[in-house]
């Protein structure tokens, strides 16, 4: 069973993601900011990180930059309201494996999670 770390600061959306991923059979942990997310990942390595960009103290760009600077190969799916071309390009250039813009389809989100975990 794959372990997924959801990093999302909006409680209702976080609960929606956790519930749907748990329903699909994944082990899921969540964090509301980048700092506890990295600590959580170091304590129990995730097989996939679902990462929001706009977080209170350490944003998603900083989180993925930290992961990639330490050569952590964990797959990252960015899930964010920031949908401009420059945001998408920056996220993918920093090492995200996929990028989804809110609002989003939960069915498509689950399909993308499954696709990433198959690789």
N, C-alpha and C. Protein backbone atom coordinates (compact mmCIF):
# COMPACT_ATOMS: atom_id res chain seq x y z
N UNK A 1 0.85 -1.18 0.00
CA UNK A 1 0.00 0.00 0.00
C UNK A 1 0.89 1.24 0.00
N UNK A 2 0.66 2.12 -0.94
CA UNK A 2 1.45 3.35 -1.06
C UNK A 2 1.07 4.34 0.05
N UNK A 3 2.07 5.08 0.49
CA UNK A 3 1.88 6.11 1.51
C UNK A 3 1.93 7.48 0.83
N UNK A 4 0.88 8.29 1.02
CA UNK A 4 0.78 9.60 0.37
C UNK A 4 0.73 10.69 1.43
N UNK A 5 1.51 11.74 1.21
CA UNK A 5 1.51 12.91 2.08
C UNK A 5 0.80 14.04 1.35
N UNK A 6 -0.29 14.53 1.94
CA UNK A 6 -1.05 15.64 1.37
C UNK A 6 -0.65 16.90 2.12
N UNK A 7 -0.17 17.90 1.39
CA UNK A 7 0.24 19.18 1.99
C UNK A 7 -0.72 20.24 1.48
N UNK A 8 -1.68 20.59 2.33
CA UNK A 8 -2.76 21.51 1.96
C UNK A 8 -3.20 22.25 3.22
N UNK A 9 -3.25 23.59 3.15
CA UNK A 9 -3.59 24.38 4.33
C UNK A 9 -5.09 24.67 4.48
N UNK A 10 -5.90 24.34 3.49
CA UNK A 10 -7.33 24.57 3.58
C UNK A 10 -7.96 23.29 4.13
N UNK A 11 -8.47 23.33 5.39
CA UNK A 11 -8.92 22.10 6.06
C UNK A 11 -9.97 21.28 5.31
N UNK A 12 -10.98 21.92 4.72
CA UNK A 12 -12.02 21.17 4.02
C UNK A 12 -11.48 20.44 2.80
N UNK A 13 -10.63 21.12 2.03
CA UNK A 13 -10.03 20.48 0.86
C UNK A 13 -9.09 19.36 1.29
N UNK A 14 -8.32 19.60 2.32
CA UNK A 14 -7.41 18.57 2.83
C UNK A 14 -8.20 17.32 3.21
N UNK A 15 -9.29 17.50 3.92
CA UNK A 15 -10.12 16.36 4.34
C UNK A 15 -10.71 15.64 3.13
N UNK A 16 -11.13 16.38 2.12
CA UNK A 16 -11.65 15.78 0.89
C UNK A 16 -10.58 14.89 0.24
N UNK A 17 -9.37 15.41 0.12
CA UNK A 17 -8.28 14.65 -0.50
C UNK A 17 -7.93 13.42 0.32
N UNK A 18 -7.79 13.60 1.63
CA UNK A 18 -7.45 12.48 2.51
C UNK A 18 -8.53 11.40 2.44
N UNK A 19 -9.79 11.80 2.49
CA UNK A 19 -10.89 10.83 2.45
C UNK A 19 -10.91 10.04 1.15
N UNK A 20 -10.75 10.74 0.03
CA UNK A 20 -10.78 10.06 -1.26
C UNK A 20 -9.58 9.13 -1.45
N UNK A 21 -8.41 9.57 -1.03
CA UNK A 21 -7.23 8.73 -1.15
C UNK A 21 -7.31 7.51 -0.22
N UNK A 22 -7.83 7.71 0.97
CA UNK A 22 -8.02 6.61 1.91
C UNK A 22 -9.02 5.60 1.35
N UNK A 23 -10.10 6.11 0.77
CA UNK A 23 -11.10 5.24 0.14
C UNK A 23 -10.48 4.39 -0.96
N UNK A 24 -9.50 4.95 -1.67
CA UNK A 24 -8.82 4.21 -2.75
C UNK A 24 -7.81 3.20 -2.21
N UNK A 25 -7.62 3.18 -0.88
CA UNK A 25 -6.75 2.17 -0.29
C UNK A 25 -5.35 2.64 0.06
N UNK A 26 -5.10 3.93 -0.05
CA UNK A 26 -3.77 4.45 0.28
C UNK A 26 -3.66 4.79 1.76
N UNK A 27 -2.46 4.71 2.27
CA UNK A 27 -2.14 5.22 3.60
C UNK A 27 -1.88 6.71 3.40
N UNK A 28 -2.56 7.57 4.16
CA UNK A 28 -2.48 9.01 3.91
C UNK A 28 -2.17 9.76 5.19
N UNK A 29 -1.29 10.72 5.06
CA UNK A 29 -0.92 11.63 6.13
C UNK A 29 -1.09 13.04 5.57
N UNK A 30 -1.33 14.02 6.44
CA UNK A 30 -1.48 15.38 5.93
C UNK A 30 -0.70 16.37 6.78
N UNK A 31 -0.40 17.51 6.15
CA UNK A 31 0.28 18.62 6.82
C UNK A 31 -0.27 19.91 6.23
N UNK A 32 -0.34 20.95 7.06
CA UNK A 32 -0.91 22.23 6.62
C UNK A 32 0.12 23.24 6.20
N UNK A 33 1.40 22.87 6.21
CA UNK A 33 2.45 23.80 5.82
C UNK A 33 3.69 23.00 5.42
N UNK A 34 4.63 23.67 4.77
CA UNK A 34 5.81 23.00 4.27
C UNK A 34 6.76 22.48 5.32
N UNK A 35 6.92 23.19 6.41
CA UNK A 35 7.86 22.78 7.45
C UNK A 35 7.44 21.46 8.09
N UNK A 36 6.20 21.34 8.60
CA UNK A 36 5.79 20.04 9.14
C UNK A 36 5.71 18.95 8.06
N UNK A 37 5.46 19.34 6.83
CA UNK A 37 5.41 18.36 5.73
C UNK A 37 6.77 17.71 5.54
N UNK A 38 7.82 18.51 5.51
CA UNK A 38 9.17 17.95 5.35
C UNK A 38 9.53 17.07 6.54
N UNK A 39 9.18 17.51 7.75
CA UNK A 39 9.46 16.71 8.95
C UNK A 39 8.72 15.38 8.88
N UNK A 40 7.48 15.43 8.45
CA UNK A 40 6.67 14.23 8.31
C UNK A 40 7.27 13.28 7.27
N UNK A 41 7.70 13.83 6.16
CA UNK A 41 8.30 13.02 5.09
C UNK A 41 9.61 12.39 5.55
N UNK A 42 10.39 13.12 6.33
CA UNK A 42 11.65 12.57 6.82
C UNK A 42 11.40 11.47 7.87
N UNK A 43 10.32 11.61 8.64
CA UNK A 43 9.99 10.61 9.65
C UNK A 43 9.44 9.33 9.01
N UNK A 44 8.62 9.49 7.99
CA UNK A 44 8.05 8.36 7.25
C UNK A 44 7.98 8.74 5.79
N UNK A 45 8.89 8.19 5.04
CA UNK A 45 9.02 8.55 3.63
C UNK A 45 7.74 8.27 2.86
N UNK A 46 7.26 9.30 2.17
CA UNK A 46 6.06 9.15 1.35
C UNK A 46 6.43 8.57 -0.02
N UNK A 47 5.47 7.87 -0.61
CA UNK A 47 5.64 7.38 -1.98
C UNK A 47 5.20 8.44 -2.98
N UNK A 48 4.43 9.42 -2.49
CA UNK A 48 3.95 10.53 -3.31
C UNK A 48 3.59 11.68 -2.39
N UNK A 49 3.94 12.89 -2.81
CA UNK A 49 3.53 14.09 -2.08
C UNK A 49 2.59 14.89 -2.97
N UNK A 50 1.40 15.20 -2.44
CA UNK A 50 0.45 16.09 -3.10
C UNK A 50 0.67 17.45 -2.45
N UNK A 51 1.10 18.43 -3.25
CA UNK A 51 1.63 19.67 -2.69
C UNK A 51 0.92 20.91 -3.22
N UNK A 52 0.35 21.68 -2.29
CA UNK A 52 -0.20 23.00 -2.62
C UNK A 52 0.97 23.98 -2.70
N UNK A 53 0.82 25.03 -3.47
CA UNK A 53 1.87 26.05 -3.56
C UNK A 53 1.74 27.13 -2.50
N UNK A 54 0.53 27.59 -2.29
CA UNK A 54 0.31 28.72 -1.39
C UNK A 54 0.08 28.22 0.03
N UNK A 55 1.16 28.11 0.77
CA UNK A 55 1.13 27.65 2.15
C UNK A 55 1.61 28.77 3.06
N UNK A 56 1.22 28.76 4.34
CA UNK A 56 1.47 29.92 5.21
C UNK A 56 2.94 30.30 5.46
N UNK A 57 3.80 29.36 5.80
CA UNK A 57 5.17 29.73 6.18
C UNK A 57 6.21 29.31 5.15
N UNK A 58 6.15 28.07 4.73
CA UNK A 58 7.07 27.56 3.73
C UNK A 58 6.23 27.10 2.55
N UNK A 59 6.30 27.83 1.44
CA UNK A 59 5.42 27.52 0.31
C UNK A 59 5.87 26.28 -0.45
N UNK A 60 5.01 25.85 -1.36
CA UNK A 60 5.26 24.63 -2.12
C UNK A 60 6.52 24.69 -2.97
N UNK A 61 6.83 25.86 -3.52
CA UNK A 61 8.07 26.00 -4.30
C UNK A 61 9.27 25.71 -3.41
N UNK A 62 9.25 26.23 -2.18
CA UNK A 62 10.37 26.00 -1.26
C UNK A 62 10.46 24.54 -0.85
N UNK A 63 9.31 23.90 -0.67
CA UNK A 63 9.30 22.48 -0.29
C UNK A 63 9.93 21.64 -1.39
N UNK A 64 9.48 21.82 -2.62
CA UNK A 64 10.03 20.98 -3.70
C UNK A 64 11.49 21.31 -3.96
N UNK A 65 11.87 22.56 -3.79
CA UNK A 65 13.26 22.94 -3.96
C UNK A 65 14.12 22.23 -2.91
N UNK A 66 13.66 22.20 -1.68
CA UNK A 66 14.38 21.51 -0.60
C UNK A 66 14.49 20.01 -0.91
N UNK A 67 13.40 19.41 -1.35
CA UNK A 67 13.43 17.98 -1.69
C UNK A 67 14.44 17.70 -2.79
N UNK A 68 14.41 18.49 -3.84
CA UNK A 68 15.30 18.22 -4.98
C UNK A 68 16.76 18.58 -4.69
N UNK A 69 16.99 19.59 -3.86
CA UNK A 69 18.37 19.92 -3.48
C UNK A 69 19.02 18.79 -2.69
N UNK A 70 18.20 18.06 -1.94
CA UNK A 70 18.72 16.93 -1.17
C UNK A 70 18.63 15.62 -1.97
N UNK A 71 18.32 15.76 -3.25
CA UNK A 71 18.23 14.63 -4.20
C UNK A 71 17.18 13.60 -3.80
N UNK A 72 16.11 14.07 -3.17
CA UNK A 72 15.01 13.19 -2.81
C UNK A 72 14.16 12.97 -4.06
N UNK A 73 14.04 11.71 -4.51
CA UNK A 73 13.31 11.44 -5.76
C UNK A 73 11.80 11.27 -5.59
N UNK A 74 11.25 11.56 -4.42
CA UNK A 74 9.82 11.34 -4.20
C UNK A 74 9.00 12.06 -5.27
N UNK A 75 8.03 11.38 -5.87
CA UNK A 75 7.17 12.04 -6.85
C UNK A 75 6.32 13.12 -6.18
N UNK A 76 6.12 14.22 -6.89
CA UNK A 76 5.33 15.34 -6.37
C UNK A 76 4.26 15.71 -7.39
N UNK A 77 3.02 15.77 -6.90
CA UNK A 77 1.90 16.26 -7.69
C UNK A 77 1.49 17.60 -7.10
N UNK A 78 1.71 18.67 -7.83
CA UNK A 78 1.30 19.98 -7.35
C UNK A 78 -0.18 20.17 -7.63
N UNK A 79 -0.89 20.60 -6.60
CA UNK A 79 -2.33 20.84 -6.70
C UNK A 79 -2.58 22.22 -6.12
N UNK A 80 -2.84 23.20 -7.00
CA UNK A 80 -2.83 24.59 -6.58
C UNK A 80 -3.81 25.45 -7.37
N UNK A 81 -4.15 26.58 -6.81
CA UNK A 81 -4.99 27.55 -7.51
C UNK A 81 -4.18 28.38 -8.50
N UNK A 82 -2.87 28.31 -8.39
CA UNK A 82 -2.00 29.10 -9.27
C UNK A 82 -1.86 28.38 -10.61
N UNK A 83 -2.56 28.89 -11.61
CA UNK A 83 -2.64 28.18 -12.87
C UNK A 83 -2.02 28.89 -14.06
N UNK A 84 -1.28 29.97 -13.81
CA UNK A 84 -0.67 30.65 -14.96
C UNK A 84 0.41 29.77 -15.57
N UNK A 85 0.70 30.04 -16.83
CA UNK A 85 1.73 29.26 -17.52
C UNK A 85 3.06 29.34 -16.78
N UNK A 86 3.42 30.54 -16.30
CA UNK A 86 4.70 30.69 -15.61
C UNK A 86 4.73 29.89 -14.31
N UNK A 87 3.60 29.81 -13.58
CA UNK A 87 3.55 28.99 -12.36
C UNK A 87 3.71 27.51 -12.69
N UNK A 88 3.02 27.04 -13.72
CA UNK A 88 3.11 25.63 -14.11
C UNK A 88 4.52 25.28 -14.56
N UNK A 89 5.11 26.15 -15.37
CA UNK A 89 6.47 25.90 -15.85
C UNK A 89 7.46 25.89 -14.69
N UNK A 90 7.30 26.84 -13.76
CA UNK A 90 8.21 26.90 -12.61
C UNK A 90 8.09 25.63 -11.76
N UNK A 91 6.86 25.20 -11.48
CA UNK A 91 6.66 24.00 -10.68
C UNK A 91 7.26 22.77 -11.32
N UNK A 92 7.01 22.60 -12.61
CA UNK A 92 7.56 21.45 -13.32
C UNK A 92 9.08 21.55 -13.44
N UNK A 93 9.60 22.74 -13.62
CA UNK A 93 11.05 22.94 -13.72
C UNK A 93 11.76 22.64 -12.41
N UNK A 94 11.08 22.90 -11.30
CA UNK A 94 11.67 22.61 -9.98
C UNK A 94 11.64 21.11 -9.66
N UNK A 95 10.90 20.34 -10.45
CA UNK A 95 10.92 18.89 -10.24
C UNK A 95 9.59 18.24 -9.96
N UNK A 96 8.48 18.96 -10.11
CA UNK A 96 7.17 18.33 -9.93
C UNK A 96 6.94 17.32 -11.05
N UNK A 97 6.28 16.24 -10.72
CA UNK A 97 5.98 15.21 -11.71
C UNK A 97 4.69 15.49 -12.46
N UNK A 98 3.81 16.25 -11.82
CA UNK A 98 2.54 16.61 -12.44
C UNK A 98 2.06 17.89 -11.77
N UNK A 99 1.10 18.57 -12.43
CA UNK A 99 0.62 19.86 -11.95
C UNK A 99 -0.86 19.96 -12.27
N UNK A 100 -1.69 20.11 -11.25
CA UNK A 100 -3.13 20.27 -11.44
C UNK A 100 -3.56 21.61 -10.85
N UNK A 101 -4.53 22.23 -11.51
CA UNK A 101 -5.02 23.53 -11.08
C UNK A 101 -6.41 23.37 -10.45
N UNK A 102 -6.61 24.05 -9.31
CA UNK A 102 -7.92 24.09 -8.65
C UNK A 102 -8.78 25.11 -9.37
N UNK A 103 -10.07 24.89 -9.48
CA UNK A 103 -10.81 23.70 -9.07
C UNK A 103 -10.46 22.52 -9.98
N UNK A 104 -10.67 21.32 -9.48
CA UNK A 104 -10.25 20.13 -10.20
C UNK A 104 -11.30 19.03 -10.03
N UNK A 105 -11.21 18.04 -10.87
CA UNK A 105 -12.06 16.85 -10.79
C UNK A 105 -11.38 15.85 -9.86
N UNK A 106 -12.11 15.35 -8.88
CA UNK A 106 -11.56 14.36 -7.97
C UNK A 106 -11.22 13.08 -8.73
N UNK A 107 -12.05 12.71 -9.70
CA UNK A 107 -11.77 11.50 -10.49
C UNK A 107 -10.47 11.65 -11.28
N UNK A 108 -10.25 12.82 -11.87
CA UNK A 108 -9.00 13.05 -12.60
C UNK A 108 -7.82 13.05 -11.63
N UNK A 109 -8.00 13.67 -10.46
CA UNK A 109 -6.94 13.69 -9.45
C UNK A 109 -6.53 12.27 -9.07
N UNK A 110 -7.50 11.41 -8.78
CA UNK A 110 -7.21 10.02 -8.42
C UNK A 110 -6.51 9.30 -9.57
N UNK A 111 -6.95 9.54 -10.79
CA UNK A 111 -6.32 8.91 -11.96
C UNK A 111 -4.87 9.35 -12.09
N UNK A 112 -4.59 10.63 -11.85
CA UNK A 112 -3.21 11.12 -11.94
C UNK A 112 -2.35 10.53 -10.82
N UNK A 113 -2.91 10.41 -9.62
CA UNK A 113 -2.18 9.78 -8.50
C UNK A 113 -1.80 8.36 -8.88
N UNK A 114 -2.76 7.59 -9.40
CA UNK A 114 -2.50 6.21 -9.80
C UNK A 114 -1.44 6.14 -10.89
N UNK A 115 -1.51 7.06 -11.85
CA UNK A 115 -0.53 7.07 -12.95
C UNK A 115 0.87 7.33 -12.43
N UNK A 116 1.01 8.30 -11.53
CA UNK A 116 2.32 8.62 -10.97
C UNK A 116 2.87 7.41 -10.20
N UNK A 117 2.03 6.78 -9.40
CA UNK A 117 2.48 5.65 -8.59
C UNK A 117 2.81 4.41 -9.41
N UNK A 118 2.27 4.32 -10.61
CA UNK A 118 2.61 3.19 -11.51
C UNK A 118 4.03 3.32 -12.06
N UNK A 119 4.53 4.53 -12.16
CA UNK A 119 5.85 4.75 -12.78
C UNK A 119 6.98 4.19 -11.94
